[in-house]
């Protein structure tokens, strides 16, 4: 794989017009150059990410208000085999990106007899290739990486669905009362009302993740300011497959979305696109909070089997990306 050229990355990072303006404001601070670089990175990257988040999320929530998810769910309840998996993937792509929003719907689908493997296909698609994730990955990381992420996600989804379909998972369903989920019939109809509803949804999402985004920005800014990216790049590229496994292990447990991992993702892209892809896929496919919520509908053994399969396939795709990217 071609090693990224980063000889001037540490000292000559391009902040853009916004960064240059912020740098001009902070250059007279009585702090060391590395601290000044950290402040500039932190403010610039934070503003860029939150601005992108506001625009992309509002647009996605607004467009999603025109999609009748309840109709898709009712249709899914009567399908199995290949049509069921295809519709589950499509419904997952159009669903809200947060697993906390998806799981109550998943519980409802299981309660009406949708096969567990089809429901888990729906959950995986909603985690990896929902509309928000895809649009945001392309916006944050560029077209080339966005295409790689989309291909990797589809491979994971297909491989995981085939594996889960071969297993007998329906015996792992718990008995519970079905939860009510969002009713599309009561969604706002007028354009102005839809836009207001989208803004409120976006702000509600920001309230849940703003701290994690800032922590991610602080981490990436600190690495950019206080460490030599040349040295890090040489270490990673000397053993890309091991680095891919390490970032996968780090990424899988955390509860994240594309904006939460964006700072670290952009940093990894400068070092190794393959390692960045492994991190993005592992961070999005499953998390400890999602697995815990899933135990409300499925027995622990079934949840553990799903998590192990998703983790193994994602790591394998990450390793394969080291040979391709």
Protein backbone atom coordinates (compact mmCIF):
# COMPACT_ATOMS: atom_id res chain seq x y z
CA UNK A 1 0.00 0.00 0.00
CA UNK A 2 1.18 3.47 -0.80
CA UNK A 3 2.42 5.29 2.31
CA UNK A 4 0.88 8.69 2.82
CA UNK A 5 3.22 11.62 2.44
CA UNK A 6 3.04 13.55 5.69
CA UNK A 7 6.46 15.15 5.99
CA UNK A 8 5.01 18.62 6.30
CA UNK A 9 1.72 17.70 7.95
CA UNK A 10 2.68 18.63 11.48
CA UNK A 11 4.06 22.07 10.76
CA UNK A 12 2.16 22.95 7.64
CA UNK A 13 -1.37 21.79 8.35
CA UNK A 14 -3.89 23.69 6.24
CA UNK A 15 -6.51 25.19 8.52
CA UNK A 16 -8.40 26.95 5.75
CA UNK A 17 -9.70 30.51 5.88
CA UNK A 18 -11.50 29.94 9.20
CA UNK A 19 -8.37 28.44 10.72
CA UNK A 20 -6.20 31.29 9.49
CA UNK A 21 -8.59 33.80 11.06
CA UNK A 22 -8.63 31.93 14.37
CA UNK A 23 -4.86 31.53 14.25
CA UNK A 24 -4.48 35.27 13.79
CA UNK A 25 -6.65 35.85 16.86
CA UNK A 26 -4.73 33.41 19.05
CA UNK A 27 -1.15 33.90 17.85
CA UNK A 28 -0.43 36.58 20.48
CA UNK A 29 -1.35 34.35 23.39
CA UNK A 30 1.62 33.89 25.76
CA UNK A 31 1.77 30.13 25.26
CA UNK A 32 4.23 27.72 23.58
CA UNK A 33 3.86 27.06 19.87
CA UNK A 34 2.49 23.55 20.46
CA UNK A 35 -0.25 24.89 22.75
CA UNK A 36 -1.08 27.58 20.21
CA UNK A 37 -1.36 24.85 17.54
CA UNK A 38 -3.64 22.82 19.81
CA UNK A 39 -5.97 25.78 20.44
CA UNK A 40 -6.17 26.58 16.73
CA UNK A 41 -6.93 22.97 15.79
CA UNK A 42 -9.47 22.58 18.56
CA UNK A 43 -11.48 25.71 17.77
CA UNK A 44 -11.32 25.28 13.99
CA UNK A 45 -12.22 21.59 13.95
CA UNK A 46 -15.00 22.04 16.52
CA UNK A 47 -16.65 24.82 14.54
CA UNK A 48 -16.34 22.91 11.25
CA UNK A 49 -17.78 19.67 12.68
CA UNK A 50 -20.70 21.32 14.48
CA UNK A 51 -21.55 23.43 11.44
CA UNK A 52 -21.55 20.32 9.27
CA UNK A 53 -23.61 18.49 11.89
CA UNK A 54 -26.25 21.23 12.01
CA UNK A 55 -26.62 21.35 8.22
CA UNK A 56 -26.49 17.61 7.47
CA UNK A 57 -28.64 16.45 10.38
CA UNK A 58 -31.34 19.07 9.81
CA UNK A 59 -31.50 18.15 6.12
CA UNK A 60 -31.65 14.41 6.85
CA UNK A 61 -34.34 14.74 9.52
CA UNK A 62 -36.36 17.00 7.22
CA UNK A 63 -36.20 14.56 4.29
CA UNK A 64 -36.89 11.60 6.60
CA UNK A 65 -40.19 13.20 7.64
CA UNK A 66 -41.53 12.33 4.17
CA UNK A 67 -40.77 8.61 4.62
CA UNK A 68 -43.53 6.46 6.06
CA UNK A 69 -41.51 4.15 8.29
CA UNK A 70 -44.60 2.57 9.84
CA UNK A 71 -45.69 1.34 6.41
CA UNK A 72 -42.26 -0.20 5.84
CA UNK A 73 -42.39 -1.90 9.24
CA UNK A 74 -45.86 -3.35 8.59
CA UNK A 75 -44.68 -4.67 5.23
CA UNK A 76 -41.59 -6.18 6.82
CA UNK A 77 -43.70 -8.08 9.34
CA UNK A 78 -45.13 -10.20 6.50
CA UNK A 79 -41.89 -10.99 4.71
CA UNK A 80 -39.10 -13.44 5.28
CA UNK A 81 -36.30 -15.01 3.26
CA UNK A 82 -34.52 -12.81 0.69
CA UNK A 83 -37.34 -10.21 0.25
CA UNK A 84 -37.42 -9.76 4.01
CA UNK A 85 -33.67 -9.17 4.23
CA UNK A 86 -33.75 -6.70 1.34
CA UNK A 87 -36.61 -4.75 2.87
CA UNK A 88 -34.93 -4.89 6.30
CA UNK A 89 -31.78 -3.39 4.80
CA UNK A 90 -33.80 -0.68 3.04
CA UNK A 91 -35.75 0.13 6.21
CA UNK A 92 -32.52 0.30 8.19
CA UNK A 93 -31.00 2.72 5.70
CA UNK A 94 -34.00 5.04 6.07
CA UNK A 95 -34.28 4.77 9.86
CA UNK A 96 -32.92 7.18 12.48
CA UNK A 97 -29.23 6.62 13.05
CA UNK A 98 -29.36 6.19 16.82
CA UNK A 99 -29.69 2.59 18.02
CA UNK A 100 -31.69 3.85 20.99
CA UNK A 101 -34.39 4.86 18.50
CA UNK A 102 -34.10 1.69 16.45
CA UNK A 103 -34.31 -0.90 19.22
CA UNK A 104 -37.90 -0.18 20.36
CA UNK A 105 -38.98 -0.68 16.74
CA UNK A 106 -36.90 -3.85 16.58
CA UNK A 107 -38.67 -5.19 19.66
CA UNK A 108 -42.02 -4.50 18.03
CA UNK A 109 -41.00 -6.36 14.87
CA UNK A 110 -39.82 -9.39 16.83
CA UNK A 111 -43.09 -9.41 18.78
CA UNK A 112 -45.15 -9.80 15.57
CA UNK A 113 -43.10 -12.74 14.34
CA UNK A 114 -40.42 -11.21 12.10
CA UNK A 115 -37.45 -13.65 12.14
CA UNK A 116 -34.68 -12.59 14.50
CA UNK A 117 -32.07 -12.78 11.75
CA UNK A 118 -34.10 -10.38 9.59
CA UNK A 119 -34.49 -7.99 12.54
CA UNK A 120 -30.74 -8.08 13.17
CA UNK A 121 -30.15 -7.33 9.48
CA UNK A 122 -32.37 -4.27 10.01
CA UNK A 123 -30.38 -3.25 13.10
CA UNK A 124 -27.04 -3.66 11.32
CA UNK A 125 -28.17 -1.62 8.32
CA UNK A 126 -29.51 1.13 10.57
CA UNK A 127 -26.16 1.26 12.37
CA UNK A 128 -23.84 1.16 9.37
CA UNK A 129 -25.57 2.55 6.31
CA UNK A 130 -28.40 4.73 7.53
CA UNK A 131 -29.00 7.87 5.52
CA UNK A 132 -27.34 10.10 8.11
CA UNK A 133 -24.16 8.00 8.27
CA UNK A 134 -23.72 7.75 4.51
CA UNK A 135 -24.32 11.44 3.80
CA UNK A 136 -22.11 12.46 6.72
CA UNK A 137 -19.23 10.12 5.81
CA UNK A 138 -19.13 11.58 2.30
CA UNK A 139 -19.34 15.12 3.69
CA UNK A 140 -16.74 14.61 6.42
CA UNK A 141 -14.20 12.31 4.76
CA UNK A 142 -14.67 12.82 1.03
CA UNK A 143 -16.00 10.79 -1.88
CA UNK A 144 -13.20 8.22 -2.12
CA UNK A 145 -13.40 7.23 1.54
CA UNK A 146 -17.21 7.42 1.45
CA UNK A 147 -17.31 4.87 -1.37
CA UNK A 148 -14.90 2.59 0.53
CA UNK A 149 -17.03 2.88 3.68
CA UNK A 150 -20.22 2.10 1.75
CA UNK A 151 -18.67 -0.96 0.07
CA UNK A 152 -17.25 -2.23 3.36
CA UNK A 153 -20.59 -1.74 5.12
CA UNK A 154 -22.52 -3.63 2.42
CA UNK A 155 -20.04 -6.51 2.59
CA UNK A 156 -20.46 -6.69 6.37
CA UNK A 157 -24.25 -6.55 6.06
CA UNK A 158 -24.42 -9.33 3.45
CA UNK A 159 -21.93 -11.62 5.21
CA UNK A 160 -23.57 -11.12 8.59
CA UNK A 161 -27.07 -11.70 7.20
CA UNK A 162 -26.01 -14.93 5.48
CA UNK A 163 -24.36 -16.17 8.68
CA UNK A 164 -27.30 -15.25 10.92
CA UNK A 165 -29.79 -16.83 8.48
CA UNK A 166 -27.97 -20.15 8.83
CA UNK A 167 -28.37 -20.11 12.61
CA UNK A 168 -31.51 -20.84 14.62
CA UNK A 169 -31.95 -17.59 16.52
CA UNK A 170 -35.73 -17.42 16.98
CA UNK A 171 -35.49 -19.53 20.14
CA UNK A 172 -33.55 -16.68 21.73
CA UNK A 173 -36.52 -14.31 21.85
CA UNK A 174 -37.63 -13.08 25.26
CA UNK A 175 -41.25 -12.56 26.27
CA UNK A 176 -42.08 -8.92 26.87
CA UNK A 177 -44.66 -6.27 26.22
CA UNK A 178 -44.31 -4.59 22.85
CA UNK A 179 -43.28 -0.93 23.03
CA UNK A 180 -44.98 1.78 21.09
CA UNK A 181 -42.84 3.55 18.55
CA UNK A 182 -43.12 6.64 16.43
CA UNK A 183 -46.37 6.94 14.52
CA UNK A 184 -45.87 8.47 11.11
CA UNK A 185 -49.50 9.47 10.88
CA UNK A 186 -48.96 12.12 13.56
CA UNK A 187 -45.83 13.58 11.94
CA UNK A 188 -46.06 17.24 10.85
CA UNK A 189 -47.37 17.77 7.31
CA UNK A 190 -46.63 21.41 6.41
CA UNK A 191 -43.12 22.23 5.18
CA UNK A 192 -42.59 24.78 7.95
CA UNK A 193 -43.70 22.34 10.61
CA UNK A 194 -41.48 19.61 9.17
CA UNK A 195 -38.49 21.97 9.20
CA UNK A 196 -39.19 23.00 12.79
CA UNK A 197 -39.51 19.35 13.79
CA UNK A 198 -36.21 18.57 12.02
CA UNK A 199 -34.45 21.40 13.87
CA UNK A 200 -35.77 20.15 17.20
CA UNK A 201 -34.63 16.60 16.43
CA UNK A 202 -31.21 17.91 15.42
CA UNK A 203 -30.86 19.95 18.63
CA UNK A 204 -31.97 16.97 20.71
CA UNK A 205 -29.30 14.83 19.06
CA UNK A 206 -26.63 17.52 19.63
CA UNK A 207 -27.51 17.63 23.34
CA UNK A 208 -26.70 13.92 23.59
CA UNK A 209 -23.37 13.92 21.77
CA UNK A 210 -21.77 17.41 21.98
CA UNK A 211 -19.45 16.45 24.84
CA UNK A 212 -18.19 13.34 23.06
CA UNK A 213 -17.55 15.35 19.90
CA UNK A 214 -15.49 17.90 21.84
CA UNK A 215 -13.53 15.12 23.55
CA UNK A 216 -12.76 13.61 20.16
CA UNK A 217 -11.66 16.98 18.80
CA UNK A 218 -9.46 17.54 21.86
CA UNK A 219 -7.81 14.14 21.37
CA UNK A 220 -7.09 14.65 17.67
CA UNK A 221 -5.92 18.24 18.25
CA UNK A 222 -3.54 17.10 20.99
CA UNK A 223 -2.02 14.46 18.72
CA UNK A 224 -1.62 16.97 15.90
CA UNK A 225 -0.04 19.57 18.18
CA UNK A 226 2.14 17.55 20.55
CA UNK A 227 3.19 14.49 18.54
CA UNK A 228 4.99 13.95 15.26
CA UNK A 229 2.61 12.56 12.69
CA UNK A 230 5.62 11.40 10.67
CA UNK A 231 6.61 9.02 13.46
CA UNK A 232 3.02 7.81 13.97
CA UNK A 233 2.61 7.27 10.22
CA UNK A 234 5.78 5.21 10.00
CA UNK A 235 4.68 3.03 12.94
CA UNK A 236 1.21 2.43 11.49
CA UNK A 237 2.39 1.75 7.95
CA UNK A 238 5.07 -0.64 9.20
CA UNK A 239 2.30 -2.97 10.40
CA UNK A 240 -1.03 -1.84 9.01
CA UNK A 241 -2.89 -5.05 9.76
CA UNK A 242 -1.98 -4.95 13.45
CA UNK A 243 -2.96 -1.28 13.57
CA UNK A 244 -6.27 -2.16 11.90
CA UNK A 245 -7.01 -4.77 14.57
CA UNK A 246 -6.09 -2.38 17.37
CA UNK A 247 -8.39 0.43 16.19
CA UNK A 248 -11.18 -2.12 15.66
CA UNK A 249 -10.86 -3.30 19.26
CA UNK A 250 -10.95 0.34 20.38
CA UNK A 251 -13.88 1.29 18.15
CA UNK A 252 -16.29 -1.60 18.68
CA UNK A 253 -17.27 -1.00 22.35
CA UNK A 254 -17.96 2.74 22.09
CA UNK A 255 -21.41 4.19 21.47
CA UNK A 256 -20.79 6.58 18.61
CA UNK A 257 -22.03 8.20 15.45
CA UNK A 258 -20.11 9.64 12.54
CA UNK A 259 -19.86 13.10 14.10
CA UNK A 260 -18.55 11.74 17.40
CA UNK A 261 -15.73 9.84 15.67
CA UNK A 262 -15.10 12.49 12.98
CA UNK A 263 -12.07 14.13 14.66
CA UNK A 264 -10.23 10.84 15.17
CA UNK A 265 -11.38 9.57 11.76
CA UNK A 266 -9.95 12.61 9.98
CA UNK A 267 -6.69 12.19 11.85
CA UNK A 268 -6.44 8.50 10.92
CA UNK A 269 -7.17 9.36 7.30
CA UNK A 270 -3.97 11.42 7.23
CA UNK A 271 -2.06 8.40 8.51
CA UNK A 272 -3.70 5.40 6.79
CA UNK A 273 -7.04 5.21 4.93
CA UNK A 274 -7.25 1.46 5.63
CA UNK A 275 -6.85 1.93 9.38
CA UNK A 276 -9.35 4.82 9.26
CA UNK A 277 -11.86 2.56 7.51
CA UNK A 278 -11.41 -0.17 10.13
CA UNK A 279 -12.04 2.37 12.88
CA UNK A 280 -15.13 3.81 11.19
CA UNK A 281 -16.72 0.43 10.50
CA UNK A 282 -16.02 -0.96 13.97
CA UNK A 283 -17.28 2.19 15.69
CA UNK A 284 -20.56 2.16 13.78
CA UNK A 285 -21.47 -1.54 13.57
CA UNK A 286 -22.12 -2.33 17.25
CA UNK A 287 -21.51 -0.93 20.72
CA UNK A 288 -21.83 -2.01 24.34
CA UNK A 289 -24.89 0.23 25.00
CA UNK A 290 -26.61 -1.19 21.89
CA UNK A 291 -25.89 -4.75 23.00
CA UNK A 292 -27.26 -4.03 26.47
CA UNK A 293 -30.46 -2.58 25.03
CA UNK A 294 -30.77 -5.56 22.71
CA UNK A 295 -30.94 -7.91 25.71
CA UNK A 296 -34.41 -6.47 26.40
CA UNK A 297 -35.66 -8.40 23.37
CA UNK A 298 -33.22 -11.30 23.02
CA UNK A 299 -31.55 -13.71 25.39
CA UNK A 300 -27.94 -13.06 26.35
CA UNK A 301 -26.58 -15.99 24.33
CA UNK A 302 -28.25 -14.72 21.15
CA UNK A 303 -26.99 -11.17 21.70
CA UNK A 304 -23.47 -12.45 22.36
CA UNK A 305 -23.59 -14.52 19.16
CA UNK A 306 -24.70 -11.49 17.13
CA UNK A 307 -22.01 -9.25 18.65
CA UNK A 308 -19.29 -11.86 18.07
CA UNK A 309 -20.34 -12.37 14.45
CA UNK A 310 -20.55 -8.62 13.76
CA UNK A 311 -17.18 -8.05 15.42
CA UNK A 312 -15.41 -10.86 13.61
CA UNK A 313 -16.74 -9.95 10.16
CA UNK A 314 -15.98 -6.26 10.68
CA UNK A 315 -12.40 -7.02 11.71
CA UNK A 316 -11.99 -9.27 8.69
CA UNK A 317 -13.25 -6.54 6.33
CA UNK A 318 -10.85 -4.11 8.00
CA UNK A 319 -7.93 -6.47 7.43
CA UNK A 320 -8.92 -6.96 3.79
CA UNK A 321 -9.03 -3.19 3.32
CA UNK A 322 -5.31 -3.09 4.21
CA UNK A 323 -4.67 -5.11 1.05
CA UNK A 324 -6.88 -2.98 -1.16
CA UNK A 325 -6.61 0.66 -0.11
